[in-house]
Amino acid sequence: MTTCGSDSIRQEAVLARRGGDRWFLGGVYAVAARTTEIPLALGPGRWLVETIRDGADGLVQDQRVLRGGDALGVDVVANGGFAGIACRWHPGVTTCYR
C-alpha cells in the first residue's frame, strides 16, 4: 500500500511495507491539522494497529483493533506525521512489538 496525496506529492505521503507477518506504516504531512483516513488493505481478519503520532504537546500513542479493509483514522497536527505497526489480532495479543 502506497498512497500520495491528491493535491501533490509534496504535501503528503503514506507508505506501508510488510515484514513477515507484520505491516509497518508511516505518513508525513505538510498540510494544516486534520484527521486523515487511510484505507487498510492488509488482508482479511482482525488487525491490531499501534500508532505513534505528533500531537500538540508531544508524541501520542494509540492502539486499536480494525478489520482488513477498514480505514485507519489518524489525527495529524500541522506539518506532522505518524508511524505505526499492524499485526494479526486474536484474544491475548496486546502488542505487535517484539
C-alpha atoms as a PDB file:
ATOM      1  CA  MET A   1       0.000   0.000   0.000  1.00  0.00           C
ATOM      2  CA  THR A   2       1.492   3.317  -1.064  1.00  0.00           C
ATOM      3  CA  THR A   3      -0.547   6.455  -1.499  1.00  0.00           C
ATOM      4  CA  CYS A   4       0.283  10.037  -2.247  1.00  0.00           C
ATOM      5  CA  GLY A   5      -1.973  12.968  -1.608  1.00  0.00           C
ATOM      6  CA  SER A   6      -4.375  14.029  -4.317  1.00  0.00           C
ATOM      7  CA  ASP A   7      -3.061  17.614  -4.314  1.00  0.00           C
ATOM      8  CA  SER A   8       0.640  16.969  -4.615  1.00  0.00           C
ATOM      9  CA  ILE A   9       3.275  14.503  -3.587  1.00  0.00           C
ATOM     10  CA  ARG A  10       4.934  17.454  -1.859  1.00  0.00           C
ATOM     11  CA  GLN A  11       2.077  17.739   0.664  1.00  0.00           C
ATOM     12  CA  GLU A  12       1.538  14.208   1.969  1.00  0.00           C
ATOM     13  CA  ALA A  13       2.737  10.643   1.627  1.00  0.00           C
ATOM     14  CA  VAL A  14       1.646   7.403   3.303  1.00  0.00           C
ATOM     15  CA  LEU A  15       3.664   4.205   2.966  1.00  0.00           C
ATOM     16  CA  ALA A  16       3.303   0.626   4.164  1.00  0.00           C
ATOM     17  CA  ARG A  17       5.701  -2.275   3.999  1.00  0.00           C
ATOM     18  CA  ARG A  18       5.195  -5.831   5.127  1.00  0.00           C
ATOM     19  CA  GLY A  19       7.870  -7.596   7.104  1.00  0.00           C
ATOM     20  CA  GLY A  20       6.925 -11.222   7.751  1.00  0.00           C
ATOM     21  CA  ASP A  21       3.528 -11.244   9.456  1.00  0.00           C
ATOM     22  CA  ARG A  22       3.572  -7.531  10.367  1.00  0.00           C
ATOM     23  CA  TRP A  23       2.979  -4.301   8.462  1.00  0.00           C
ATOM     24  CA  PHE A  24       4.974  -1.121   9.114  1.00  0.00           C
ATOM     25  CA  LEU A  25       3.128   2.128   8.354  1.00  0.00           C
ATOM     26  CA  GLY A  26       4.214   5.734   8.069  1.00  0.00           C
ATOM     27  CA  GLY A  27       2.810   9.052   6.974  1.00  0.00           C
ATOM     28  CA  VAL A  28       4.190  12.575   6.613  1.00  0.00           C
ATOM     29  CA  TYR A  29       2.069  15.662   6.037  1.00  0.00           C
ATOM     30  CA  ALA A  30       2.894  19.241   5.019  1.00  0.00           C
ATOM     31  CA  VAL A  31      -0.690  20.433   5.444  1.00  0.00           C
ATOM     32  CA  ALA A  32      -2.936  22.002   8.074  1.00  0.00           C
ATOM     33  CA  ALA A  33      -4.047  19.889  11.045  1.00  0.00           C
ATOM     34  CA  ARG A  34      -6.749  17.360  10.172  1.00  0.00           C
ATOM     35  CA  THR A  35      -7.932  13.795  10.602  1.00  0.00           C
ATOM     36  CA  THR A  36      -6.734  11.601   7.787  1.00  0.00           C
ATOM     37  CA  GLU A  37      -8.402   8.307   6.833  1.00  0.00           C
ATOM     38  CA  ILE A  38      -6.064   5.633   5.491  1.00  0.00           C
ATOM     39  CA  PRO A  39      -7.631   2.529   3.908  1.00  0.00           C
ATOM     40  CA  LEU A  40      -6.007  -0.619   5.274  1.00  0.00           C
ATOM     41  CA  ALA A  41      -5.562  -3.263   2.601  1.00  0.00           C
ATOM     42  CA  LEU A  42      -3.794  -5.645   4.977  1.00  0.00           C
ATOM     43  CA  GLY A  43      -5.818  -8.769   4.315  1.00  0.00           C
ATOM     44  CA  PRO A  44      -8.895 -10.365   5.877  1.00  0.00           C
ATOM     45  CA  GLY A  45      -9.391 -10.742   9.601  1.00  0.00           C
ATOM     46  CA  ARG A  46      -8.689  -8.505  12.558  1.00  0.00           C
ATOM     47  CA  TRP A  47      -5.553  -6.442  12.950  1.00  0.00           C
ATOM     48  CA  LEU A  48      -4.033  -4.758  15.986  1.00  0.00           C
ATOM     49  CA  VAL A  49      -2.771  -1.359  14.830  1.00  0.00           C
ATOM     50  CA  GLU A  50      -0.436   0.629  17.070  1.00  0.00           C
ATOM     51  CA  THR A  51       0.480   4.181  16.093  1.00  0.00           C
ATOM     52  CA  ILE A  52       2.623   6.972  17.428  1.00  0.00           C
ATOM     53  CA  ARG A  53       1.961  10.424  16.046  1.00  0.00           C
ATOM     54  CA  ASP A  54       2.848  14.035  16.549  1.00  0.00           C
ATOM     55  CA  GLY A  55       0.476  15.743  18.974  1.00  0.00           C
ATOM     56  CA  ALA A  56       0.060  19.352  20.025  1.00  0.00           C
ATOM     57  CA  ASP A  57       2.035  18.714  23.232  1.00  0.00           C
ATOM     58  CA  GLY A  58       4.347  15.887  22.140  1.00  0.00           C
ATOM     59  CA  LEU A  59       4.038  12.333  20.902  1.00  0.00           C
ATOM     60  CA  VAL A  60       0.755  10.435  21.241  1.00  0.00           C
ATOM     61  CA  GLN A  61       0.421   6.631  21.207  1.00  0.00           C
ATOM     62  CA  ASP A  62      -2.778   4.898  20.096  1.00  0.00           C
ATOM     63  CA  GLN A  63      -3.824   1.278  19.810  1.00  0.00           C
ATOM     64  CA  ARG A  64      -6.933  -0.191  18.179  1.00  0.00           C
ATOM     65  CA  VAL A  65      -8.248  -3.358  16.562  1.00  0.00           C
ATOM     66  CA  LEU A  66      -9.504  -2.975  12.983  1.00  0.00           C
ATOM     67  CA  ARG A  67     -10.637  -5.318  10.240  1.00  0.00           C
ATOM     68  CA  GLY A  68      -8.733  -5.616   6.980  1.00  0.00           C
ATOM     69  CA  GLY A  69     -10.306  -3.086   4.611  1.00  0.00           C
ATOM     70  CA  ASP A  70     -11.262  -0.654   7.404  1.00  0.00           C
ATOM     71  CA  ALA A  71      -9.876   2.873   7.388  1.00  0.00           C
ATOM     72  CA  LEU A  72      -7.318   3.936   9.966  1.00  0.00           C
ATOM     73  CA  GLY A  73      -8.181   7.414  11.244  1.00  0.00           C
ATOM     74  CA  VAL A  74      -5.178   9.449  12.410  1.00  0.00           C
ATOM     75  CA  ASP A  75      -5.338  12.954  13.854  1.00  0.00           C
ATOM     76  CA  VAL A  76      -2.438  14.794  12.257  1.00  0.00           C
ATOM     77  CA  VAL A  77      -1.132  18.134  13.525  1.00  0.00           C
ATOM     78  CA  ALA A  78       0.031  20.750  11.015  1.00  0.00           C
ATOM     79  CA  ASN A  79       3.210  19.539   9.308  1.00  0.00           C
ATOM     80  CA  GLY A  80       3.145  16.346  11.380  1.00  0.00           C
ATOM     81  CA  GLY A  81       3.185  12.651  10.802  1.00  0.00           C
ATOM     82  CA  PHE A  82       2.815   9.189  12.266  1.00  0.00           C
ATOM     83  CA  ALA A  83       4.424   5.764  12.354  1.00  0.00           C
ATOM     84  CA  GLY A  84       2.636   2.516  13.037  1.00  0.00           C
ATOM     85  CA  ILE A  85       2.792  -1.237  13.132  1.00  0.00           C
ATOM     86  CA  ALA A  86      -0.001  -3.733  12.436  1.00  0.00           C
ATOM     87  CA  CYS A  87      -0.195  -7.437  13.253  1.00  0.00           C
ATOM     88  CA  ARG A  88      -2.912 -10.077  13.261  1.00  0.00           C
ATOM     89  CA  TRP A  89      -5.086  -9.786  16.332  1.00  0.00           C
ATOM     90  CA  HIS A  90      -6.677 -12.547  18.368  1.00  0.00           C
ATOM     91  CA  PRO A  91      -7.607 -12.673  22.061  1.00  0.00           C
ATOM     92  CA  GLY A  92      -4.461 -12.356  24.121  1.00  0.00           C
ATOM     93  CA  VAL A  93      -2.472 -10.259  21.632  1.00  0.00           C
ATOM     94  CA  THR A  94      -1.677  -6.943  23.325  1.00  0.00           C
ATOM     95  CA  THR A  95       1.149  -5.569  21.167  1.00  0.00           C
ATOM     96  CA  CYS A  96       2.829  -6.005  17.793  1.00  0.00           C
ATOM     97  CA  TYR A  97       6.268  -5.152  19.186  1.00  0.00           C
ATOM     98  CA  ARG A  98       8.763  -7.941  19.705  1.00  0.00           C
END
